[in-house]
Every structure is written in C-alpha cells, then in structure tokens.
Amino acid sequence: MLGSSDTIVLDGLFEEWQFREPIYTDPEGDNLGDTIDFGSIYIDNDQDYLYLNFELNSETNLQNGSDLILYIDTDNNPETGDDFNGLGADLVYDLGKRDGRYYHDGFKKTIGAPSLRFDNDANCDFRHI
C-alpha cells in the first residue's frame, strides 16, 4: 500500500497531495501539440480505493474527447489482462470515451462512466468495479 497518513477526500481541493511525492513529473510544453500536457502524476491508495491525481499544464477536460487511456496492472502479472508494452493491464479505461474493461479471475467485464466515478479534477474512485 502506498498510502500516506492523510486521507484523500474527493472534494476538488488538493491539500492532501501537497506532502506526497509525485511518481512522475513531466516538463511543461513538451506535448508537441498533443491535447494533454502533463505536469506531475500522483498515486495513493487506502484499503478500499486507488487515488490518481494528474496535474496538467493547461486546463483540460479528461472526460470529454481526450485520448488518454489508463492501463493499470492490479495483480502485477503480465499474463493477465490486456498486453500493453509487456504489462498485463487488468483495468483499461479510455477517459475520453468513458468506457473500458476490467479483467478478474479470467473474466472480462465492460465498464462505463457510471462504473467509475471521476470528479472534475480527474481523481478516480473505483468504488463500483
């Protein structure tokens, strides 16, 4: 578990993240005309949820027409899920299309926007998977 002692609250404010280290920081302006210019990316979790925080270098609605696809390997096994650059992605979610798929125990489940809850700042709540 990555978790820090501060609880993540999905309220559109980001005080909880200020003492966490980003897992990745990207230079501003290097997106070469792509729609998304990432700044820092943060990940945390608790017993029940995985939390993602994307800092972007420009205002972007990730849920409306973006080409961002999340690939998450939940079991650290490259033999399960979708093969993506050697990663066994058990959760694949296209934010712009608001749909994806989740693999568990050999079964694939299609998921859509009601299955994943996102607030306006792209923090993710996997409560309904």
Protein backbone atom coordinates (compact mmCIF):
# COMPACT_ATOMS: atom_id res chain seq x y z
CA MET A 1 0.00 0.00 0.00
CA LEU A 2 1.35 3.40 -0.98
CA GLY A 3 -0.85 5.31 1.45
CA SER A 4 0.16 8.28 3.48
CA SER A 5 -1.39 9.13 6.82
CA ASP A 6 -3.66 11.82 5.31
CA THR A 7 -6.97 10.62 3.93
CA ILE A 8 -7.75 11.58 0.33
CA VAL A 9 -11.03 13.48 0.08
CA LEU A 10 -12.64 13.88 -3.35
CA ASP A 11 -13.72 17.48 -2.92
CA GLY A 12 -11.90 19.32 -5.73
CA LEU A 13 -9.26 20.58 -3.29
CA PHE A 14 -5.79 19.11 -3.18
CA GLU A 15 -4.33 19.81 0.26
CA GLU A 16 -3.96 16.06 0.85
CA TRP A 17 -1.49 15.78 -2.02
CA GLN A 18 0.93 18.53 -1.02
CA PHE A 19 3.14 16.25 1.10
CA ARG A 20 3.11 13.32 -1.30
CA GLU A 21 5.86 12.77 -3.84
CA PRO A 22 4.82 12.56 -7.50
CA ILE A 23 5.53 9.25 -9.22
CA TYR A 24 6.31 11.17 -12.40
CA THR A 25 6.94 14.80 -13.35
CA ASP A 26 6.92 15.88 -16.98
CA PRO A 27 8.42 19.14 -18.31
CA GLU A 28 5.92 21.79 -19.30
CA GLY A 29 5.35 22.33 -23.02
CA ASP A 30 6.78 19.06 -24.33
CA ASN A 31 3.47 17.64 -25.52
CA LEU A 32 4.29 18.52 -29.15
CA GLY A 33 0.77 19.66 -29.94
CA ASP A 34 -0.99 16.75 -28.24
CA THR A 35 -4.08 17.66 -26.30
CA ILE A 36 -2.69 16.77 -22.86
CA ASP A 37 0.40 18.38 -21.32
CA PHE A 38 1.10 16.53 -18.09
CA GLY A 39 2.82 18.15 -15.13
CA SER A 40 3.05 15.76 -12.17
CA ILE A 41 1.24 12.49 -11.57
CA TYR A 42 0.46 11.24 -8.07
CA ILE A 43 -0.90 7.89 -6.92
CA ASP A 44 -2.08 6.83 -3.48
CA ASN A 45 -4.37 4.19 -2.06
CA ASP A 46 -6.03 3.00 1.09
CA GLN A 47 -7.71 -0.29 1.99
CA ASP A 48 -10.55 0.30 -0.46
CA TYR A 49 -9.54 2.75 -3.19
CA LEU A 50 -6.86 3.78 -5.65
CA TYR A 51 -6.47 7.55 -5.99
CA LEU A 52 -4.94 9.29 -9.01
CA ASN A 53 -4.08 12.96 -9.25
CA PHE A 54 -3.00 14.38 -12.60
CA GLU A 55 -1.56 17.88 -12.57
CA LEU A 56 -1.87 19.28 -16.08
CA ASN A 57 -0.04 22.27 -17.51
CA SER A 58 -3.22 23.55 -19.13
CA GLU A 59 -6.90 23.27 -18.35
CA THR A 60 -8.22 20.07 -19.95
CA ASN A 61 -11.39 18.05 -19.56
CA LEU A 62 -10.05 14.49 -19.47
CA GLN A 63 -13.55 13.02 -19.66
CA ASN A 64 -14.67 14.70 -22.86
CA GLY A 65 -12.92 13.60 -26.04
CA SER A 66 -9.41 13.22 -24.64
CA ASP A 67 -7.20 10.45 -25.98
CA LEU A 68 -5.92 9.41 -22.53
CA ILE A 69 -6.20 5.69 -21.79
CA LEU A 70 -5.32 4.32 -18.36
CA TYR A 71 -3.65 0.90 -18.20
CA ILE A 72 -3.48 -0.45 -14.65
CA ASP A 73 -1.99 -3.82 -13.71
CA THR A 74 -3.77 -4.73 -10.47
CA ASP A 75 -2.09 -8.09 -9.87
CA ASN A 76 1.46 -7.47 -11.14
CA ASN A 77 1.06 -10.39 -13.55
CA PRO A 78 1.89 -9.76 -17.23
CA GLU A 79 -0.06 -12.92 -18.20
CA THR A 80 -3.44 -11.48 -17.15
CA GLY A 81 -5.45 -8.65 -18.71
CA ASP A 82 -4.58 -6.75 -21.88
CA ASP A 83 -0.99 -6.83 -23.08
CA PHE A 84 0.33 -3.28 -23.17
CA ASN A 85 4.10 -2.99 -23.64
CA GLY A 86 4.65 -6.13 -21.52
CA LEU A 87 2.21 -5.00 -18.83
CA GLY A 88 -0.79 -7.21 -18.03
CA ALA A 89 -3.34 -4.41 -17.69
CA ASP A 90 -6.30 -5.70 -15.67
CA LEU A 91 -8.04 -2.34 -15.94
CA VAL A 92 -8.09 -0.48 -19.24
CA TYR A 93 -10.12 2.73 -19.27
CA ASP A 94 -10.46 5.28 -22.07
CA LEU A 95 -11.25 8.56 -20.31
CA GLY A 96 -12.38 10.39 -23.46
CA LYS A 97 -14.81 7.65 -24.48
CA ARG A 98 -15.80 6.94 -20.87
CA ASP A 99 -15.57 3.20 -21.27
CA GLY A 100 -13.21 0.36 -20.71
CA ARG A 101 -12.80 -3.15 -19.42
CA TYR A 102 -11.76 -4.90 -16.24
CA TYR A 103 -10.33 -8.41 -16.01
CA HIS A 104 -10.76 -10.58 -12.92
CA ASP A 105 -10.49 -14.34 -12.40
CA GLY A 106 -10.36 -14.97 -16.15
CA PHE A 107 -13.48 -12.91 -16.91
CA LYS A 108 -13.71 -9.59 -18.74
CA LYS A 109 -16.26 -7.01 -17.63
CA THR A 110 -17.10 -3.97 -19.75
CA ILE A 111 -17.31 -0.80 -17.69
CA GLY A 112 -18.61 2.67 -18.47
CA ALA A 113 -18.77 6.08 -16.85
CA PRO A 114 -21.31 5.04 -14.18
CA SER A 115 -18.94 2.21 -13.15
CA LEU A 116 -16.05 4.56 -12.42
CA ARG A 117 -16.63 7.80 -10.62
CA PHE A 118 -14.49 10.79 -11.58
CA ASP A 119 -14.71 14.25 -10.14
CA ASN A 120 -13.89 17.26 -12.30
CA ASP A 121 -10.21 17.08 -11.39
CA ALA A 122 -9.72 13.50 -12.66
CA ASN A 123 -9.34 11.91 -9.25
CA CYS A 124 -10.62 8.39 -9.65
CA ASP A 125 -12.92 6.38 -7.39
CA PHE A 126 -13.07 2.67 -8.25
CA ARG A 127 -15.95 2.08 -5.83
CA HIS A 128 -18.26 0.41 -8.33
CA ILE A 129 -15.96 -2.05 -10.07
